[in-house]
Amino acid sequence: MKKRKPAISVRKAYTRQLYLHNKTMYVLTALSMVLMAVFNLILSWLMQKITDKIAGTEPTPLLTIALWTLAAFV
């Protein structure tokens, strides 16, 4: 019978192989996750401003909110 390799060494080999040529992709993935988190925060802030404006409690002019929306999505 063949002697089995320990599971830890097999896992390390697979992990090493996975990271071998994918470091650039992992960096790009991390950056895109950060950018999407910022985008989600901006979107929720804009939704809050629009909801407050509709409710009549927001003193910011509608033109300013529209300009912020345009700047956020362009």
PDB file of N, CA and C in Angstrom:
ATOM      1  N   MET A   1       0.829  -1.185   0.000  1.00  0.00           N
ATOM      2  CA  MET A   1       0.000   0.000   0.000  1.00  0.00           C
ATOM      3  C   MET A   1       0.871   1.245   0.000  1.00  0.00           C
ATOM      4  N   LYS A   2       0.357   2.243  -0.697  1.00  0.00           N
ATOM      5  CA  LYS A   2       1.064   3.515  -0.711  1.00  0.00           C
ATOM      6  C   LYS A   2       0.764   4.275   0.565  1.00  0.00           C
ATOM      7  N   LYS A   3       1.755   5.018   0.976  1.00  0.00           N
ATOM      8  CA  LYS A   3       1.565   5.856   2.151  1.00  0.00           C
ATOM      9  C   LYS A   3       0.869   7.151   1.721  1.00  0.00           C
ATOM     10  N   ARG A   4      -0.180   7.536   2.443  1.00  0.00           N
ATOM     11  CA  ARG A   4      -0.939   8.734   2.101  1.00  0.00           C
ATOM     12  C   ARG A   4      -0.232   9.979   2.622  1.00  0.00           C
ATOM     13  N   LYS A   5      -0.312  11.050   1.840  1.00  0.00           N
ATOM     14  CA  LYS A   5       0.249  12.325   2.272  1.00  0.00           C
ATOM     15  C   LYS A   5      -0.702  12.955   3.278  1.00  0.00           C
ATOM     16  N   PRO A   6      -0.155  13.677   4.235  1.00  0.00           N
ATOM     17  CA  PRO A   6      -1.035  14.378   5.184  1.00  0.00           C
ATOM     18  C   PRO A   6      -1.890  15.418   4.453  1.00  0.00           C
ATOM     19  N   ALA A   7      -3.091  15.610   4.953  1.00  0.00           N
ATOM     20  CA  ALA A   7      -4.037  16.528   4.306  1.00  0.00           C
ATOM     21  C   ALA A   7      -3.529  17.959   4.312  1.00  0.00           C
ATOM     22  N   ILE A   8      -2.762  18.322   5.327  1.00  0.00           N
ATOM     23  CA  ILE A   8      -2.255  19.696   5.423  1.00  0.00           C
ATOM     24  C   ILE A   8      -1.274  19.983   4.299  1.00  0.00           C
ATOM     25  N   SER A   9      -0.375  19.052   4.002  1.00  0.00           N
ATOM     26  CA  SER A   9       0.594  19.296   2.938  1.00  0.00           C
ATOM     27  C   SER A   9      -0.090  19.337   1.577  1.00  0.00           C
ATOM     28  N   VAL A  10      -1.117  18.529   1.384  1.00  0.00           N
ATOM     29  CA  VAL A  10      -1.864  18.565   0.126  1.00  0.00           C
ATOM     30  C   VAL A  10      -2.587  19.900  -0.006  1.00  0.00           C
ATOM     31  N   ARG A  11      -3.194  20.369   1.084  1.00  0.00           N
ATOM     32  CA  ARG A  11      -3.891  21.653   1.056  1.00  0.00           C
ATOM     33  C   ARG A  11      -2.921  22.795   0.771  1.00  0.00           C
ATOM     34  N   LYS A  12      -1.741  22.756   1.366  1.00  0.00           N
ATOM     35  CA  LYS A  12      -0.747  23.802   1.116  1.00  0.00           C
ATOM     36  C   LYS A  12      -0.319  23.803  -0.343  1.00  0.00           C
ATOM     37  N   ALA A  13      -0.159  22.632  -0.911  1.00  0.00           N
ATOM     38  CA  ALA A  13       0.233  22.551  -2.320  1.00  0.00           C
ATOM     39  C   ALA A  13      -0.855  23.132  -3.220  1.00  0.00           C
ATOM     40  N   TYR A  14      -2.106  22.805  -2.942  1.00  0.00           N
ATOM     41  CA  TYR A  14      -3.204  23.344  -3.738  1.00  0.00           C
ATOM     42  C   TYR A  14      -3.328  24.855  -3.562  1.00  0.00           C
ATOM     43  N   THR A  15      -3.161  25.332  -2.340  1.00  0.00           N
ATOM     44  CA  THR A  15      -3.236  26.771  -2.089  1.00  0.00           C
ATOM     45  C   THR A  15      -2.111  27.502  -2.810  1.00  0.00           C
ATOM     46  N   ARG A  16      -0.922  26.971  -2.757  1.00  0.00           N
ATOM     47  CA  ARG A  16       0.221  27.567  -3.448  1.00  0.00           C
ATOM     48  C   ARG A  16      -0.037  27.615  -4.950  1.00  0.00           C
ATOM     49  N   GLN A  17      -0.582  26.553  -5.497  1.00  0.00           N
ATOM     50  CA  GLN A  17      -0.884  26.507  -6.926  1.00  0.00           C
ATOM     51  C   GLN A  17      -1.964  27.518  -7.296  1.00  0.00           C
ATOM     52  N   LEU A  18      -2.938  27.703  -6.428  1.00  0.00           N
ATOM     53  CA  LEU A  18      -4.013  28.655  -6.689  1.00  0.00           C
ATOM     54  C   LEU A  18      -3.487  30.083  -6.752  1.00  0.00           C
ATOM     55  N   TYR A  19      -2.572  30.427  -5.869  1.00  0.00           N
ATOM     56  CA  TYR A  19      -2.038  31.786  -5.818  1.00  0.00           C
ATOM     57  C   TYR A  19      -0.906  32.024  -6.808  1.00  0.00           C
ATOM     58  N   LEU A  20      -0.440  31.006  -7.487  1.00  0.00           N
ATOM     59  CA  LEU A  20       0.769  31.095  -8.299  1.00  0.00           C
ATOM     60  C   LEU A  20       0.714  32.219  -9.326  1.00  0.00           C
ATOM     61  N   HIS A  21      -0.295  32.276 -10.153  1.00  0.00           N
ATOM     62  CA  HIS A  21      -0.368  33.304 -11.195  1.00  0.00           C
ATOM     63  C   HIS A  21      -1.593  34.195 -11.037  1.00  0.00           C
ATOM     64  N   ASN A  22      -2.187  34.213  -9.875  1.00  0.00           N
ATOM     65  CA  ASN A  22      -3.428  34.954  -9.677  1.00  0.00           C
ATOM     66  C   ASN A  22      -3.294  36.136  -8.726  1.00  0.00           C
ATOM     67  N   LYS A  23      -2.100  36.543  -8.383  1.00  0.00           N
ATOM     68  CA  LYS A  23      -1.943  37.646  -7.426  1.00  0.00           C
ATOM     69  C   LYS A  23      -2.524  38.947  -7.967  1.00  0.00           C
ATOM     70  N   THR A  24      -2.346  39.191  -9.254  1.00  0.00           N
ATOM     71  CA  THR A  24      -2.899  40.403  -9.852  1.00  0.00           C
ATOM     72  C   THR A  24      -4.419  40.399  -9.775  1.00  0.00           C
ATOM     73  N   MET A  25      -5.014  39.253 -10.030  1.00  0.00           N
ATOM     74  CA  MET A  25      -6.471  39.161  -9.977  1.00  0.00           C
ATOM     75  C   MET A  25      -6.993  39.360  -8.556  1.00  0.00           C
ATOM     76  N   TYR A  26      -6.270  38.873  -7.562  1.00  0.00           N
ATOM     77  CA  TYR A  26      -6.695  39.074  -6.178  1.00  0.00           C
ATOM     78  C   TYR A  26      -6.607  40.544  -5.790  1.00  0.00           C
ATOM     79  N   VAL A  27      -5.588  41.234  -6.256  1.00  0.00           N
ATOM     80  CA  VAL A  27      -5.466  42.666  -5.970  1.00  0.00           C
ATOM     81  C   VAL A  27      -6.604  43.427  -6.646  1.00  0.00           C
ATOM     82  N   LEU A  28      -6.883  43.096  -7.902  1.00  0.00           N
ATOM     83  CA  LEU A  28      -7.984  43.751  -8.607  1.00  0.00           C
ATOM     84  C   LEU A  28      -9.327  43.463  -7.947  1.00  0.00           C
ATOM     85  N   THR A  29      -9.501  42.255  -7.463  1.00  0.00           N
ATOM     86  CA  THR A  29     -10.739  41.903  -6.774  1.00  0.00           C
ATOM     87  C   THR A  29     -10.888  42.697  -5.485  1.00  0.00           C
ATOM     88  N   ALA A  30      -9.807  42.827  -4.729  1.00  0.00           N
ATOM     89  CA  ALA A  30      -9.862  43.593  -3.480  1.00  0.00           C
ATOM     90  C   ALA A  30     -10.169  45.066  -3.755  1.00  0.00           C
ATOM     91  N   LEU A  31      -9.535  45.628  -4.782  1.00  0.00           N
ATOM     92  CA  LEU A  31      -9.802  47.025  -5.128  1.00  0.00           C
ATOM     93  C   LEU A  31     -11.244  47.226  -5.589  1.00  0.00           C
ATOM     94  N   SER A  32     -11.751  46.297  -6.373  1.00  0.00           N
ATOM     95  CA  SER A  32     -13.134  46.440  -6.828  1.00  0.00           C
ATOM     96  C   SER A  32     -14.113  46.309  -5.668  1.00  0.00           C
ATOM     97  N   MET A  33     -13.800  45.477  -4.684  1.00  0.00           N
ATOM     98  CA  MET A  33     -14.670  45.358  -3.512  1.00  0.00           C
ATOM     99  C   MET A  33     -14.697  46.660  -2.720  1.00  0.00           C
ATOM    100  N   VAL A  34     -13.551  47.296  -2.578  1.00  0.00           N
ATOM    101  CA  VAL A  34     -13.496  48.577  -1.862  1.00  0.00           C
ATOM    102  C   VAL A  34     -14.275  49.645  -2.629  1.00  0.00           C
ATOM    103  N   LEU A  35     -14.088  49.687  -3.952  1.00  0.00           N
ATOM    104  CA  LEU A  35     -14.809  50.673  -4.757  1.00  0.00           C
ATOM    105  C   LEU A  35     -16.320  50.448  -4.715  1.00  0.00           C
ATOM    106  N   MET A  36     -16.742  49.212  -4.739  1.00  0.00           N
ATOM    107  CA  MET A  36     -18.177  48.924  -4.667  1.00  0.00           C
ATOM    108  C   MET A  36     -18.746  49.282  -3.295  1.00  0.00           C
ATOM    109  N   ALA A  37     -17.966  49.119  -2.240  1.00  0.00           N
ATOM    110  CA  ALA A  37     -18.428  49.516  -0.907  1.00  0.00           C
ATOM    111  C   ALA A  37     -18.621  51.032  -0.844  1.00  0.00           C
ATOM    112  N   VAL A  38     -17.682  51.779  -1.410  1.00  0.00           N
ATOM    113  CA  VAL A  38     -17.804  53.238  -1.448  1.00  0.00           C
ATOM    114  C   VAL A  38     -19.013  53.640  -2.292  1.00  0.00           C
ATOM    115  N   PHE A  39     -19.180  52.984  -3.426  1.00  0.00           N
ATOM    116  CA  PHE A  39     -20.328  53.272  -4.291  1.00  0.00           C
ATOM    117  C   PHE A  39     -21.644  53.009  -3.566  1.00  0.00           C
ATOM    118  N   ASN A  40     -21.716  51.932  -2.814  1.00  0.00           N
ATOM    119  CA  ASN A  40     -22.936  51.619  -2.061  1.00  0.00           C
ATOM    120  C   ASN A  40     -23.215  52.662  -0.985  1.00  0.00           C
ATOM    121  N   LEU A  41     -22.164  53.158  -0.339  1.00  0.00           N
ATOM    122  CA  LEU A  41     -22.354  54.221   0.654  1.00  0.00           C
ATOM    123  C   LEU A  41     -22.873  55.501   0.008  1.00  0.00           C
ATOM    124  N   ILE A  42     -22.316  55.851  -1.141  1.00  0.00           N
ATOM    125  CA  ILE A  42     -22.781  57.046  -1.854  1.00  0.00           C
ATOM    126  C   ILE A  42     -24.235  56.881  -2.279  1.00  0.00           C
ATOM    127  N   LEU A  43     -24.562  55.706  -2.783  1.00  0.00           N
ATOM    128  CA  LEU A  43     -25.931  55.450  -3.224  1.00  0.00           C
ATOM    129  C   LEU A  43     -26.923  55.527  -2.066  1.00  0.00           C
ATOM    130  N   SER A  44     -26.567  54.975  -0.922  1.00  0.00           N
ATOM    131  CA  SER A  44     -27.477  55.036   0.229  1.00  0.00           C
ATOM    132  C   SER A  44     -27.618  56.470   0.739  1.00  0.00           C
ATOM    133  N   TRP A  45     -26.544  57.256   0.689  1.00  0.00           N
ATOM    134  CA  TRP A  45     -26.623  58.656   1.107  1.00  0.00           C
ATOM    135  C   TRP A  45     -27.548  59.439   0.172  1.00  0.00           C
ATOM    136  N   LEU A  46     -27.411  59.184  -1.141  1.00  0.00           N
ATOM    137  CA  LEU A  46     -28.283  59.867  -2.096  1.00  0.00           C
ATOM    138  C   LEU A  46     -29.745  59.472  -1.908  1.00  0.00           C
ATOM    139  N   MET A  47     -29.987  58.209  -1.644  1.00  0.00           N
ATOM    140  CA  MET A  47     -31.362  57.761  -1.399  1.00  0.00           C
ATOM    141  C   MET A  47     -31.940  58.418  -0.151  1.00  0.00           C
ATOM    142  N   GLN A  48     -31.112  58.597   0.869  1.00  0.00           N
ATOM    143  CA  GLN A  48     -31.567  59.274   2.085  1.00  0.00           C
ATOM    144  C   GLN A  48     -31.915  60.729   1.782  1.00  0.00           C
ATOM    145  N   LYS A  49     -31.063  61.400   1.010  1.00  0.00           N
ATOM    146  CA  LYS A  49     -31.321  62.803   0.664  1.00  0.00           C
ATOM    147  C   LYS A  49     -32.615  62.942  -0.136  1.00  0.00           C
ATOM    148  N   ILE A  50     -32.820  62.044  -1.101  1.00  0.00           N
ATOM    149  CA  ILE A  50     -34.028  62.112  -1.922  1.00  0.00           C
ATOM    150  C   ILE A  50     -35.267  61.833  -1.077  1.00  0.00           C
ATOM    151  N   THR A  51     -35.184  60.848  -0.195  1.00  0.00           N
ATOM    152  CA  THR A  51     -36.319  60.531   0.679  1.00  0.00           C
ATOM    153  C   THR A  51     -36.630  61.696   1.612  1.00  0.00           C
ATOM    154  N   ASP A  52     -35.598  62.320   2.173  1.00  0.00           N
ATOM    155  CA  ASP A  52     -35.819  63.478   3.045  1.00  0.00           C
ATOM    156  C   ASP A  52     -36.416  64.646   2.262  1.00  0.00           C
ATOM    157  N   LYS A  53     -35.989  64.822   1.020  1.00  0.00           N
ATOM    158  CA  LYS A  53     -36.525  65.907   0.194  1.00  0.00           C
ATOM    159  C   LYS A  53     -38.002  65.676  -0.102  1.00  0.00           C
ATOM    160  N   ILE A  54     -38.365  64.423  -0.393  1.00  0.00           N
ATOM    161  CA  ILE A  54     -39.772  64.101  -0.660  1.00  0.00           C
ATOM    162  C   ILE A  54     -40.616  64.315   0.601  1.00  0.00           C
ATOM    163  N   ALA A  55     -40.057  63.970   1.767  1.00  0.00           N
ATOM    164  CA  ALA A  55     -40.789  64.127   3.028  1.00  0.00           C
ATOM    165  C   ALA A  55     -40.881  65.582   3.462  1.00  0.00           C
ATOM    166  N   GLY A  56     -40.047  66.443   2.872  1.00  0.00           N
ATOM    167  CA  GLY A  56     -40.103  67.859   3.194  1.00  0.00           C
ATOM    168  C   GLY A  56     -39.217  68.267   4.353  1.00  0.00           C
ATOM    169  N   THR A  57     -38.301  67.407   4.773  1.00  0.00           N
ATOM    170  CA  THR A  57     -37.431  67.738   5.905  1.00  0.00           C
ATOM    171  C   THR A  57     -36.010  68.083   5.478  1.00  0.00           C
ATOM    172  N   GLU A  58     -35.740  68.067   4.188  1.00  0.00           N
ATOM    173  CA  GLU A  58     -34.378  68.322   3.697  1.00  0.00           C
ATOM    174  C   GLU A  58     -34.271  69.762   3.205  1.00  0.00           C
ATOM    175  N   PRO A  59     -33.363  70.561   3.804  1.00  0.00           N
ATOM    176  CA  PRO A  59     -33.232  71.956   3.370  1.00  0.00           C
ATOM    177  C   PRO A  59     -32.383  72.128   2.102  1.00  0.00           C
ATOM    178  N   THR A  60     -31.690  71.074   1.676  1.00  0.00           N
ATOM    179  CA  THR A  60     -30.833  71.171   0.500  1.00  0.00           C
ATOM    180  C   THR A  60     -31.692  71.344  -0.756  1.00  0.00           C
ATOM    181  N   PRO A  61     -31.328  72.294  -1.622  1.00  0.00           N
ATOM    182  CA  PRO A  61     -32.105  72.474  -2.860  1.00  0.00           C
ATOM    183  C   PRO A  61     -32.047  71.222  -3.747  1.00  0.00           C
ATOM    184  N   LEU A  62     -33.103  71.026  -4.500  1.00  0.00           N
ATOM    185  CA  LEU A  62     -33.200  69.856  -5.366  1.00  0.00           C
ATOM    186  C   LEU A  62     -32.109  69.860  -6.434  1.00  0.00           C
ATOM    187  N   LEU A  63     -31.720  71.032  -6.900  1.00  0.00           N
ATOM    188  CA  LEU A  63     -30.660  71.124  -7.907  1.00  0.00           C
ATOM    189  C   LEU A  63     -29.338  70.593  -7.362  1.00  0.00           C
ATOM    190  N   THR A  64     -29.043  70.881  -6.112  1.00  0.00           N
ATOM    191  CA  THR A  64     -27.811  70.387  -5.495  1.00  0.00           C
ATOM    192  C   THR A  64     -27.828  68.868  -5.393  1.00  0.00           C
ATOM    193  N   ILE A  65     -28.949  68.304  -5.009  1.00  0.00           N
ATOM    194  CA  ILE A  65     -29.068  66.843  -4.932  1.00  0.00           C
ATOM    195  C   ILE A  65     -28.921  66.234  -6.324  1.00  0.00           C
ATOM    196  N   ALA A  66     -29.511  66.884  -7.331  1.00  0.00           N
ATOM    197  CA  ALA A  66     -29.394  66.389  -8.705  1.00  0.00           C
ATOM    198  C   ALA A  66     -27.946  66.435  -9.184  1.00  0.00           C
ATOM    199  N   LEU A  67     -27.228  67.487  -8.828  1.00  0.00           N
ATOM    200  CA  LEU A  67     -25.813  67.580  -9.223  1.00  0.00           C
ATOM    201  C   LEU A  67     -24.971  66.515  -8.523  1.00  0.00           C
ATOM    202  N   TRP A  68     -25.248  66.254  -7.243  1.00  0.00           N
ATOM    203  CA  TRP A  68     -24.536  65.187  -6.528  1.00  0.00           C
ATOM    204  C   TRP A  68     -24.815  63.831  -7.170  1.00  0.00           C
ATOM    205  N   THR A  69     -26.073  63.613  -7.558  1.00  0.00           N
ATOM    206  CA  THR A  69     -26.440  62.360  -8.213  1.00  0.00           C
ATOM    207  C   THR A  69     -25.714  62.219  -9.542  1.00  0.00           C
ATOM    208  N   LEU A  70     -25.675  63.286 -10.311  1.00  0.00           N
ATOM    209  CA  LEU A  70     -24.971  63.264 -11.591  1.00  0.00           C
ATOM    210  C   LEU A  70     -23.485  62.998 -11.397  1.00  0.00           C
ATOM    211  N   ALA A  71     -22.880  63.637 -10.412  1.00  0.00           N
ATOM    212  CA  ALA A  71     -21.451  63.438 -10.152  1.00  0.00           C
ATOM    213  C   ALA A  71     -21.158  62.023  -9.663  1.00  0.00           C
ATOM    214  N   ALA A  72     -22.079  61.438  -8.930  1.00  0.00           N
ATOM    215  CA  ALA A  72     -21.845  60.098  -8.387  1.00  0.00           C
ATOM    216  C   ALA A  72     -21.930  59.021  -9.456  1.00  0.00           C
ATOM    217  N   PHE A  73     -22.777  59.199 -10.435  1.00  0.00           N
ATOM    218  CA  PHE A  73     -22.996  58.152 -11.429  1.00  0.00           C
ATOM    219  C   PHE A  73     -22.247  58.362 -12.733  1.00  0.00           C
ATOM    220  N   VAL A  74     -21.565  59.472 -12.884  1.00  0.00           N
ATOM    221  CA  VAL A  74     -20.827  59.719 -14.137  1.00  0.00           C
ATOM    222  C   VAL A  74     -19.363  59.594 -13.936  1.00  0.00           C
TER     223      VAL A  74
END
